[in-house]
């Protein structure tokens, strides 16, 4: 049960952060799509934004935490 709660919390945090990153990116590049965010280096104005880079880094950290928790859960359940 604890694993499920942690995974759910991280998923909620990632979803919220993903929306935050997209909204921020669209303030910089108005017609940006979620797909465009997979290659932010294609948009120099995004790469020049310290705020975007910070928030994108937070999102990357949350995704890494999600993967680490899943791996730990699978290891424990073996």
N, C-alpha and C. Protein backbone atom coordinates (compact mmCIF):
# COMPACT_ATOMS: atom_id res chain seq x y z
N UNK A 1 0.83 -1.21 0.00
CA UNK A 1 0.00 0.00 0.00
C UNK A 1 0.86 1.26 0.00
N UNK A 2 1.94 1.26 0.75
CA UNK A 2 2.80 2.45 0.81
C UNK A 2 3.41 2.75 -0.56
N UNK A 3 3.81 1.69 -1.28
CA UNK A 3 4.38 1.89 -2.62
C UNK A 3 3.37 2.59 -3.52
N UNK A 4 2.12 2.16 -3.47
CA UNK A 4 1.09 2.74 -4.31
C UNK A 4 0.89 4.22 -3.99
N UNK A 5 0.91 4.56 -2.72
CA UNK A 5 0.74 5.95 -2.31
C UNK A 5 1.89 6.81 -2.81
N UNK A 6 3.10 6.30 -2.70
CA UNK A 6 4.27 7.05 -3.17
C UNK A 6 4.22 7.22 -4.68
N UNK A 7 3.90 6.14 -5.39
CA UNK A 7 3.81 6.22 -6.85
C UNK A 7 2.72 7.19 -7.28
N UNK A 8 1.59 7.16 -6.61
CA UNK A 8 0.48 8.06 -6.93
C UNK A 8 0.88 9.52 -6.69
N UNK A 9 1.54 9.77 -5.57
CA UNK A 9 1.99 11.13 -5.25
C UNK A 9 2.99 11.64 -6.29
N UNK A 10 3.95 10.81 -6.65
CA UNK A 10 4.93 11.22 -7.65
C UNK A 10 4.28 11.46 -9.01
N UNK A 11 3.31 10.64 -9.37
CA UNK A 11 2.60 10.82 -10.63
C UNK A 11 1.84 12.14 -10.63
N UNK A 12 1.19 12.46 -9.53
CA UNK A 12 0.47 13.73 -9.42
C UNK A 12 1.42 14.91 -9.51
N UNK A 13 2.56 14.80 -8.84
CA UNK A 13 3.55 15.87 -8.88
C UNK A 13 4.12 16.04 -10.30
N UNK A 14 4.37 14.94 -10.98
CA UNK A 14 4.89 15.00 -12.35
C UNK A 14 3.88 15.62 -13.30
N UNK A 15 2.62 15.25 -13.15
CA UNK A 15 1.57 15.81 -14.00
C UNK A 15 1.47 17.32 -13.80
N UNK A 16 1.49 17.75 -12.56
CA UNK A 16 1.41 19.18 -12.26
C UNK A 16 2.64 19.92 -12.81
N UNK A 17 3.81 19.34 -12.64
CA UNK A 17 5.04 19.97 -13.11
C UNK A 17 5.08 20.00 -14.64
N UNK A 18 4.58 18.95 -15.27
CA UNK A 18 4.53 18.91 -16.73
C UNK A 18 3.66 20.06 -17.26
N UNK A 19 2.52 20.28 -16.62
CA UNK A 19 1.63 21.38 -17.02
C UNK A 19 2.32 22.73 -16.79
N UNK A 20 3.04 22.84 -15.70
CA UNK A 20 3.75 24.09 -15.39
C UNK A 20 4.82 24.38 -16.43
N UNK A 21 5.58 23.35 -16.81
CA UNK A 21 6.63 23.51 -17.81
C UNK A 21 6.03 23.90 -19.16
N UNK A 22 4.94 23.25 -19.56
CA UNK A 22 4.31 23.58 -20.83
C UNK A 22 3.78 25.02 -20.82
N UNK A 23 3.14 25.43 -19.75
CA UNK A 23 2.62 26.79 -19.66
C UNK A 23 3.76 27.81 -19.74
N UNK A 24 4.84 27.54 -19.02
CA UNK A 24 6.00 28.43 -19.06
C UNK A 24 6.60 28.48 -20.45
N UNK A 25 6.75 27.33 -21.07
CA UNK A 25 7.31 27.28 -22.42
C UNK A 25 6.44 28.04 -23.41
N UNK A 26 5.14 27.95 -23.24
CA UNK A 26 4.22 28.66 -24.15
C UNK A 26 4.24 30.17 -23.94
N UNK A 27 4.66 30.62 -22.79
CA UNK A 27 4.85 32.07 -22.61
C UNK A 27 6.05 32.53 -23.43
N UNK A 28 7.01 31.64 -23.61
CA UNK A 28 8.23 31.98 -24.35
C UNK A 28 8.03 31.73 -25.85
N UNK A 29 7.43 30.59 -26.19
CA UNK A 29 7.15 30.21 -27.58
C UNK A 29 5.65 29.86 -27.64
N UNK A 30 4.80 30.81 -28.00
CA UNK A 30 3.35 30.65 -27.86
C UNK A 30 2.72 29.41 -28.50
N UNK A 31 3.16 28.97 -29.64
CA UNK A 31 2.50 27.84 -30.31
C UNK A 31 3.15 26.49 -30.03
N UNK A 32 3.92 26.43 -29.00
CA UNK A 32 4.63 25.21 -28.64
C UNK A 32 3.65 24.09 -28.29
N UNK A 33 3.96 22.88 -28.71
CA UNK A 33 3.12 21.72 -28.40
C UNK A 33 3.82 20.85 -27.36
N UNK A 34 3.08 19.98 -26.69
CA UNK A 34 3.74 19.05 -25.76
C UNK A 34 4.82 18.22 -26.46
N UNK A 35 4.57 17.85 -27.71
CA UNK A 35 5.56 17.10 -28.48
C UNK A 35 6.85 17.91 -28.68
N UNK A 36 6.70 19.22 -28.90
CA UNK A 36 7.87 20.09 -29.07
C UNK A 36 8.78 20.06 -27.84
N UNK A 37 8.18 19.87 -26.67
CA UNK A 37 8.98 19.87 -25.44
C UNK A 37 9.91 18.67 -25.34
N UNK A 38 9.69 17.67 -26.18
CA UNK A 38 10.61 16.53 -26.18
C UNK A 38 11.96 16.92 -26.78
N UNK A 39 11.97 17.99 -27.55
CA UNK A 39 13.19 18.49 -28.17
C UNK A 39 13.33 20.00 -27.93
N UNK A 40 13.46 20.40 -26.68
CA UNK A 40 13.49 21.84 -26.40
C UNK A 40 14.70 22.55 -27.03
N UNK A 41 15.73 21.79 -27.37
CA UNK A 41 16.92 22.40 -27.99
C UNK A 41 16.61 22.96 -29.37
N UNK A 42 15.48 22.55 -29.95
CA UNK A 42 15.06 23.10 -31.24
C UNK A 42 14.57 24.54 -31.12
N UNK A 43 14.41 25.00 -29.89
CA UNK A 43 13.88 26.34 -29.63
C UNK A 43 14.89 27.12 -28.77
N UNK A 44 15.80 27.84 -29.42
CA UNK A 44 16.85 28.55 -28.69
C UNK A 44 16.33 29.46 -27.58
N UNK A 45 15.17 30.07 -27.78
CA UNK A 45 14.65 30.96 -26.74
C UNK A 45 14.31 30.19 -25.45
N UNK A 46 13.93 28.92 -25.56
CA UNK A 46 13.71 28.12 -24.36
C UNK A 46 15.03 27.86 -23.64
N UNK A 47 16.04 27.52 -24.41
CA UNK A 47 17.34 27.18 -23.83
C UNK A 47 18.00 28.39 -23.17
N UNK A 48 17.61 29.57 -23.58
CA UNK A 48 18.16 30.80 -23.00
C UNK A 48 17.44 31.21 -21.72
N UNK A 49 16.35 30.55 -21.39
CA UNK A 49 15.55 30.91 -20.23
C UNK A 49 15.98 30.11 -18.99
N UNK A 50 16.58 30.79 -18.01
CA UNK A 50 16.95 30.08 -16.78
C UNK A 50 15.73 29.48 -16.07
N UNK A 51 14.61 30.19 -16.11
CA UNK A 51 13.40 29.69 -15.44
C UNK A 51 12.92 28.41 -16.11
N UNK A 52 12.90 28.38 -17.45
CA UNK A 52 12.49 27.17 -18.15
C UNK A 52 13.44 26.02 -17.81
N UNK A 53 14.73 26.28 -17.86
CA UNK A 53 15.71 25.22 -17.60
C UNK A 53 15.56 24.68 -16.18
N UNK A 54 15.29 25.55 -15.23
CA UNK A 54 15.09 25.10 -13.85
C UNK A 54 13.86 24.20 -13.74
N UNK A 55 12.71 24.69 -14.25
CA UNK A 55 11.46 23.93 -14.13
C UNK A 55 11.54 22.62 -14.91
N UNK A 56 12.19 22.63 -16.08
CA UNK A 56 12.37 21.40 -16.84
C UNK A 56 13.25 20.42 -16.07
N UNK A 57 14.24 20.93 -15.36
CA UNK A 57 15.09 20.09 -14.51
C UNK A 57 14.32 19.47 -13.36
N UNK A 58 13.42 20.24 -12.77
CA UNK A 58 12.56 19.70 -11.70
C UNK A 58 11.72 18.55 -12.26
N UNK A 59 11.16 18.73 -13.45
CA UNK A 59 10.37 17.68 -14.07
C UNK A 59 11.22 16.44 -14.33
N UNK A 60 12.41 16.63 -14.82
CA UNK A 60 13.31 15.49 -15.06
C UNK A 60 13.61 14.75 -13.75
N UNK A 61 13.79 15.49 -12.68
CA UNK A 61 14.04 14.88 -11.38
C UNK A 61 12.84 14.07 -10.89
N UNK A 62 11.65 14.61 -11.07
CA UNK A 62 10.45 13.87 -10.67
C UNK A 62 10.30 12.58 -11.48
N UNK A 63 10.57 12.66 -12.76
CA UNK A 63 10.48 11.45 -13.59
C UNK A 63 11.52 10.42 -13.16
N UNK A 64 12.71 10.88 -12.82
CA UNK A 64 13.74 9.96 -12.35
C UNK A 64 13.32 9.31 -11.03
N UNK A 65 12.71 10.10 -10.16
CA UNK A 65 12.23 9.55 -8.88
C UNK A 65 11.15 8.51 -9.11
N UNK A 66 10.24 8.76 -10.06
CA UNK A 66 9.20 7.78 -10.38
C UNK A 66 9.83 6.46 -10.81
N UNK A 67 10.81 6.53 -11.67
CA UNK A 67 11.47 5.30 -12.15
C UNK A 67 12.20 4.59 -11.02
N UNK A 68 12.86 5.35 -10.16
CA UNK A 68 13.59 4.75 -9.05
C UNK A 68 12.64 4.04 -8.08
N UNK A 69 11.51 4.65 -7.81
CA UNK A 69 10.53 4.05 -6.90
C UNK A 69 9.97 2.77 -7.52
N UNK A 70 9.65 2.80 -8.81
CA UNK A 70 9.14 1.58 -9.47
C UNK A 70 10.17 0.46 -9.41
N UNK A 71 11.43 0.80 -9.66
CA UNK A 71 12.48 -0.20 -9.63
C UNK A 71 12.64 -0.77 -8.22
N UNK A 72 12.61 0.07 -7.21
CA UNK A 72 12.74 -0.40 -5.83
C UNK A 72 11.57 -1.29 -5.44
N UNK A 73 10.37 -0.90 -5.88
CA UNK A 73 9.19 -1.70 -5.59
C UNK A 73 9.31 -3.09 -6.23
N UNK A 74 9.69 -3.13 -7.49
CA UNK A 74 9.83 -4.43 -8.18
C UNK A 74 10.88 -5.29 -7.52
N UNK A 75 11.98 -4.68 -7.11
CA UNK A 75 13.06 -5.43 -6.46
C UNK A 75 12.56 -6.03 -5.14
N UNK A 76 11.81 -5.24 -4.39
CA UNK A 76 11.29 -5.71 -3.11
C UNK A 76 10.24 -6.80 -3.28
N UNK A 77 9.46 -6.72 -4.36
CA UNK A 77 8.38 -7.67 -4.56
C UNK A 77 8.84 -9.00 -5.14
N UNK A 78 10.10 -9.11 -5.53
CA UNK A 78 10.61 -10.38 -6.09
C UNK A 78 10.73 -11.44 -5.05
